[in-house]
Protein backbone atom coordinates (compact mmCIF):
# COMPACT_ATOMS: atom_id res chain seq x y z
CA UNK A 1 54.72 20.60 20.43
CA UNK A 2 51.84 17.92 19.32
CA UNK A 3 52.11 17.87 15.37
CA UNK A 4 48.39 18.73 14.14
CA UNK A 5 46.61 18.42 10.69
CA UNK A 6 43.40 19.61 9.55
CA UNK A 7 41.36 19.17 6.73
CA UNK A 8 43.34 21.39 4.32
CA UNK A 9 46.53 19.89 5.08
CA UNK A 10 44.81 16.14 4.69
CA UNK A 11 43.80 17.57 1.12
CA UNK A 12 47.09 18.83 -0.05
CA UNK A 13 49.09 15.61 1.32
CA UNK A 14 46.97 12.54 0.45
CA UNK A 15 46.99 11.05 -2.91
CA UNK A 16 44.74 8.20 -4.06
CA UNK A 17 47.62 5.83 -4.91
CA UNK A 18 49.21 6.10 -1.53
CA UNK A 19 46.28 5.88 0.50
CA UNK A 20 44.83 2.58 -1.34
CA UNK A 21 48.40 1.18 -0.97
CA UNK A 22 48.21 2.10 2.87
CA UNK A 23 44.98 0.43 2.79
CA UNK A 24 45.75 -2.75 0.92
CA UNK A 25 48.59 -3.32 3.44
CA UNK A 26 46.03 -2.83 6.14
CA UNK A 27 43.77 -5.17 5.16
CA UNK A 28 46.16 -7.95 4.52
CA UNK A 29 47.62 -7.34 7.98
CA UNK A 30 44.21 -7.79 9.31
CA UNK A 31 43.88 -11.21 7.74
CA UNK A 32 47.18 -12.34 9.01
CA UNK A 33 46.43 -11.31 12.65
CA UNK A 34 48.73 -8.09 12.31
CA UNK A 35 46.09 -5.53 12.72
CA UNK A 36 44.06 -5.06 15.61
CA UNK A 37 40.86 -3.26 14.95
CA UNK A 38 38.54 -2.77 17.80
CA UNK A 39 34.81 -2.06 16.79
CA UNK A 40 33.67 1.16 17.19
CA UNK A 41 31.71 1.80 20.36
CA UNK A 42 29.41 4.55 21.57
CA UNK A 43 30.26 5.96 24.98
CA UNK A 44 27.81 8.31 26.79
CA UNK A 45 28.89 11.73 27.51
CA UNK A 46 27.11 14.65 28.43
CA UNK A 47 24.12 15.19 26.18
CA UNK A 48 25.49 12.81 23.56
CA UNK A 49 27.62 10.17 22.88
CA UNK A 50 31.50 10.03 21.87
CA UNK A 51 32.06 7.38 19.16
CA UNK A 52 35.24 5.90 19.50
CA UNK A 53 37.27 3.30 17.44
CA UNK A 54 41.09 2.12 18.34
CA UNK A 55 43.39 -0.18 16.31
CA UNK A 56 46.71 -0.43 14.68
CA UNK A 57 49.61 -2.58 13.77
CA UNK A 58 51.36 -4.46 16.47
CA UNK A 59 54.49 -2.78 15.68
CA UNK A 60 52.92 0.66 15.44
CA UNK A 61 51.44 3.23 14.57
CA UNK A 62 48.44 2.68 16.96
CA UNK A 63 45.66 5.27 17.73
CA UNK A 64 41.82 5.84 18.11
CA UNK A 65 39.40 8.03 16.12
CA UNK A 66 36.46 9.53 17.98
CA UNK A 67 33.37 11.73 17.03
CA UNK A 68 30.39 13.01 18.59
CA UNK A 69 26.31 12.98 17.93
CA UNK A 70 26.39 16.74 17.40
CA UNK A 71 25.91 16.43 13.91
CA UNK A 72 28.10 16.95 10.58
CA UNK A 73 29.45 20.12 11.36
CA UNK A 74 31.28 18.83 14.67
CA UNK A 75 34.79 18.07 14.82
CA UNK A 76 36.18 14.59 14.62
CA UNK A 77 39.75 13.63 15.92
CA UNK A 78 42.29 10.87 15.37
CA UNK A 79 45.32 10.77 17.53
CA UNK A 80 48.13 8.43 16.58
CA UNK A 81 51.33 7.11 18.53
CA UNK A 82 54.44 5.12 17.55
CA UNK A 83 55.33 1.58 18.37
CA UNK A 84 57.28 2.81 21.35
CA UNK A 85 54.29 4.96 22.85
CA UNK A 86 55.61 8.32 21.37
CA UNK A 87 52.82 10.62 20.32
CA UNK A 88 53.30 11.39 16.64
CA UNK A 89 50.29 13.86 16.12
CA UNK A 90 46.73 14.52 15.72
CA UNK A 91 44.30 14.87 12.58
CA UNK A 92 41.32 16.64 13.01
CA UNK A 93 38.16 17.27 10.34
CA UNK A 94 36.46 14.60 8.36
CA UNK A 95 38.59 14.33 5.54
CA UNK A 96 40.95 11.84 6.70
CA UNK A 97 37.86 9.45 7.55
CA UNK A 98 36.34 10.38 3.81
CA UNK A 99 39.64 9.60 2.14
CA UNK A 100 40.23 6.14 4.19
CA UNK A 101 37.09 5.05 3.28
CA UNK A 102 37.40 5.88 -0.49
CA UNK A 103 40.62 4.16 -0.25
CA UNK A 104 39.44 0.76 1.22
CA UNK A 105 36.62 1.04 -1.34
CA UNK A 106 39.31 1.53 -3.87
CA UNK A 107 41.14 -1.68 -2.61
CA UNK A 108 37.55 -3.34 -3.11
CA UNK A 109 37.18 -2.35 -6.92
CA UNK A 110 40.69 -3.33 -7.73
CA UNK A 111 40.42 -6.82 -6.32
CA UNK A 112 36.86 -7.61 -7.25
CA UNK A 113 35.88 -5.52 -10.33
CA UNK A 114 36.38 -6.65 -13.91
CA UNK A 115 40.09 -5.81 -15.03
CA UNK A 116 39.15 -3.69 -18.05
CA UNK A 117 36.25 -1.81 -15.77
CA UNK A 118 36.65 1.57 -17.24
CA UNK A 119 33.34 3.45 -15.98
CA UNK A 120 31.49 4.16 -13.23
CA UNK A 121 27.90 4.94 -12.08
CA UNK A 122 27.40 7.12 -8.85
CA UNK A 123 24.35 7.23 -6.94
CA UNK A 124 24.96 9.83 -4.24
CA UNK A 125 26.89 13.30 -4.79
CA UNK A 126 28.29 13.98 -1.14
CA UNK A 127 32.11 13.84 0.40
CA UNK A 128 31.98 10.16 0.87
CA UNK A 129 31.14 9.35 -3.16
CA UNK A 130 33.61 11.65 -3.79
CA UNK A 131 36.35 9.92 -1.86
CA UNK A 132 35.04 6.39 -3.61
CA UNK A 133 35.69 8.12 -6.74
CA UNK A 134 38.94 9.76 -5.76
CA UNK A 135 40.48 6.35 -5.08
CA UNK A 136 39.13 4.52 -7.53
CA UNK A 137 41.02 6.74 -10.04
CA UNK A 138 44.20 5.07 -8.80
CA UNK A 139 43.25 1.39 -9.52
CA UNK A 140 41.52 1.75 -12.85
CA UNK A 141 42.02 4.07 -15.85
CA UNK A 142 38.28 5.83 -15.69
CA UNK A 143 37.13 6.57 -18.89
CA UNK A 144 33.93 8.08 -17.63
CA UNK A 145 31.68 8.62 -14.40
CA UNK A 146 28.04 9.19 -14.51
CA UNK A 147 26.26 10.39 -11.61
CA UNK A 148 23.02 10.84 -10.06
CA UNK A 149 21.54 12.23 -6.84
CA UNK A 150 18.45 13.87 -6.22
CA UNK A 151 19.71 17.45 -6.26
CA UNK A 152 20.62 18.84 -9.65
CA UNK A 153 22.80 21.39 -8.27
CA UNK A 154 24.79 18.96 -6.12
CA UNK A 155 25.13 16.31 -9.01
CA UNK A 156 26.38 19.31 -11.20
CA UNK A 157 28.81 20.45 -8.71
CA UNK A 158 29.73 16.95 -8.16
CA UNK A 159 30.50 16.41 -12.02
CA UNK A 160 32.58 19.62 -12.26
CA UNK A 161 34.87 18.67 -9.47
CA UNK A 162 35.50 14.90 -10.73
CA UNK A 163 36.42 16.87 -13.95
CA UNK A 164 38.59 19.41 -12.55
CA UNK A 165 40.42 17.48 -9.90
CA UNK A 166 40.75 14.06 -11.40
CA UNK A 167 40.69 14.80 -15.21
CA UNK A 168 37.68 12.47 -15.99
CA UNK A 169 34.62 12.86 -18.08
CA UNK A 170 31.79 13.03 -15.52
CA UNK A 171 28.31 13.31 -16.71
CA UNK A 172 25.19 14.36 -14.33
CA UNK A 173 22.22 12.16 -15.11
CA UNK A 174 18.45 12.50 -14.00
CA UNK A 175 17.68 9.00 -12.85
CA UNK A 176 19.57 6.18 -10.64
CA UNK A 177 18.66 3.55 -13.78
CA UNK A 178 20.52 5.99 -16.20
CA UNK A 179 23.45 6.17 -13.51
CA UNK A 180 24.28 2.48 -13.16
CA UNK A 181 22.80 1.35 -16.81
CA UNK A 182 25.97 -0.61 -18.19
CA UNK A 183 28.47 0.43 -15.80
CA UNK A 184 31.04 -2.22 -14.82
CA UNK A 185 31.45 -0.61 -11.31
CA UNK A 186 28.61 1.08 -9.31
CA UNK A 187 28.92 2.94 -6.23
CA UNK A 188 26.55 3.84 -3.80
CA UNK A 189 26.80 6.13 -1.39
CA UNK A 190 23.81 7.91 0.33
CA UNK A 191 22.09 8.31 3.75
CA UNK A 192 18.99 6.49 2.09
CA UNK A 193 17.24 3.95 4.51
CA UNK A 194 15.48 2.36 1.46
CA UNK A 195 16.94 0.69 -1.68
CA UNK A 196 18.35 3.40 -4.33
CA UNK A 197 19.09 0.53 -7.00
CA UNK A 198 17.23 -2.89 -7.56
CA UNK A 199 19.23 -6.21 -8.79
CA UNK A 200 17.40 -5.77 -12.09
CA UNK A 201 19.17 -2.29 -12.84
CA UNK A 202 22.55 -4.12 -12.66
CA UNK A 203 24.18 -5.41 -15.66
CA UNK A 204 25.82 -8.93 -15.58
CA UNK A 205 29.55 -8.58 -14.42
CA UNK A 206 28.90 -5.29 -12.28
CA UNK A 207 30.80 -4.63 -8.80
CA UNK A 208 29.04 -2.55 -6.21
CA UNK A 209 30.39 -0.44 -3.71
CA UNK A 210 28.13 0.50 -0.87
CA UNK A 211 28.98 3.01 1.91
CA UNK A 212 25.64 3.92 3.18
CA UNK A 213 23.42 2.46 5.53
CA UNK A 214 23.15 -1.28 5.59
CA UNK A 215 20.57 -2.23 8.55
CA UNK A 216 17.84 -4.62 8.23
CA UNK A 217 14.98 -2.94 6.95
CA UNK A 218 16.89 0.17 6.57
CA UNK A 219 19.50 0.06 3.87
CA UNK A 220 20.35 1.63 0.75
CA UNK A 221 20.97 -1.78 -0.94
CA UNK A 222 18.20 -4.33 -2.33
CA UNK A 223 19.22 -7.25 -0.41
CA UNK A 224 18.62 -9.40 -3.49
CA UNK A 225 22.01 -7.75 -4.21
CA UNK A 226 23.79 -9.92 -1.93
CA UNK A 227 21.59 -12.61 -2.42
CA UNK A 228 22.73 -13.07 -6.08
CA UNK A 229 26.26 -12.00 -5.79
CA UNK A 230 29.04 -14.23 -6.18
CA UNK A 231 30.97 -12.58 -3.61
CA UNK A 232 29.91 -10.42 -0.75
CA UNK A 233 32.57 -8.78 1.32
CA UNK A 234 33.52 -6.18 3.79
CA UNK A 235 36.38 -4.39 5.26
CA UNK A 236 35.34 -5.08 8.94
CA UNK A 237 33.68 -8.49 9.63
CA UNK A 238 33.84 -7.95 13.36
CA UNK A 239 31.94 -4.47 13.30
CA UNK A 240 28.95 -6.42 11.20
CA UNK A 241 28.73 -8.70 14.18
CA UNK A 242 28.78 -6.20 16.75
CA UNK A 243 26.10 -4.15 15.14
CA UNK A 244 23.94 -7.04 15.02
CA UNK A 245 21.31 -5.75 12.51
CA UNK A 246 22.87 -6.99 9.03
CA UNK A 247 20.54 -6.07 6.14
CA UNK A 248 20.92 -9.42 4.43
CA UNK A 249 20.93 -13.34 5.77
CA UNK A 250 24.20 -13.47 3.87
CA UNK A 251 27.09 -12.53 6.23
CA UNK A 252 30.18 -10.90 4.09
CA UNK A 253 33.41 -12.17 4.20
CA UNK A 254 36.72 -10.17 4.93
CA UNK A 255 38.17 -8.14 2.02
CA UNK A 256 41.67 -8.89 3.57
CA UNK A 257 40.98 -12.80 3.03
CA UNK A 258 40.21 -12.45 -0.50
CA UNK A 259 43.57 -10.03 -0.78
CA UNK A 260 45.54 -12.94 1.14
CA UNK A 261 43.88 -15.85 -1.49
CA UNK A 262 41.99 -17.21 1.73
CA UNK A 263 38.68 -16.33 0.38
CA UNK A 264 37.27 -16.32 -3.08
CA UNK A 265 36.33 -13.20 -5.12
CA UNK A 266 35.34 -12.60 -8.54
CA UNK A 267 35.43 -16.13 -10.25
CA UNK A 268 34.01 -15.09 -14.06
CA UNK A 269 33.48 -12.32 -16.29
CA UNK A 270 29.94 -12.37 -15.59
CA UNK A 271 29.99 -12.30 -11.73
CA UNK A 272 28.07 -10.09 -9.78
CA UNK A 273 30.13 -8.82 -6.75
CA UNK A 274 29.39 -6.78 -3.55
CA UNK A 275 31.35 -4.69 -1.56
CA UNK A 276 30.02 -3.13 1.96
CA UNK A 277 31.88 -0.63 3.77
CA UNK A 278 31.40 -0.45 7.55
CA UNK A 279 34.38 1.08 8.37
CA UNK A 280 37.75 -0.56 9.72
CA UNK A 281 38.79 0.90 12.81
CA UNK A 282 42.92 1.31 13.27
CA UNK A 283 43.05 2.43 9.71
CA UNK A 284 42.65 6.41 10.38
CA UNK A 285 46.04 6.06 12.47
CA UNK A 286 47.81 4.41 9.76
CA UNK A 287 46.91 7.09 7.14
CA UNK A 288 47.13 10.10 9.90
CA UNK A 289 50.44 8.62 10.53
CA UNK A 290 51.64 8.67 6.65
CA UNK A 291 50.31 12.51 6.35
CA UNK A 292 51.97 13.59 9.54
CA UNK A 293 55.14 11.98 8.15
CA UNK A 294 54.84 14.00 5.02
CA UNK A 295 54.00 17.44 6.71
């Protein structure tokens, strides 16, 4: 019988510390050529398209993640095999991808934010924003989080969740400027196709994580942030190349190369650094394999 996990099991089994550890190892393996990460492709299927991304370690585990274009309530599937071709199981639901994305963002914060960074400004109050703060709690001793989103109810609910689940004081605020002012770490996690934060809103030494749109002419990021940053990195440079509509003339370097010492990251306390999440395929199967083993 094939082992299967859903969102409830993922939420119960996953910890931010272990998820960040798995993603850090995956990024280093990518830099060393030991992880395969095939860029996502949209395959026509009936009235929609199935988006599929595959990858994994040369020695296993390997697998794929697939989801369709039916909308946010449609099911997602991650399937995992070991290095000998035995199916370990499947994970359904959206939470695996959210926590995987959060954990990659946590690695970026650990690698690029100031060592003493203890406060976060968040723009966005969805599940992706939650995943980023969830993972950040594993890499920095957070003293507080400020969150803004256009919906007062959603930002209030987000603040309550951070406080109750993570034990971190979280304050809902009424403007983006208030959310990011004087914050050493800023998380942008929106669906906006217009810049939600300006370069001038950020303090010297800020590290920014972005999980939202980053297409030319349609980005949650002010392109000037990328121009001004000392380091601009991403989890999946090949995905940026394949998509071919990057929001900035400046191309990102690989986060794994920063971790491996092959590329520069933060050099001085006043540096502005930027991490752009685009989705490193092959990492969902790695996290899924861990959770399946725990189950």
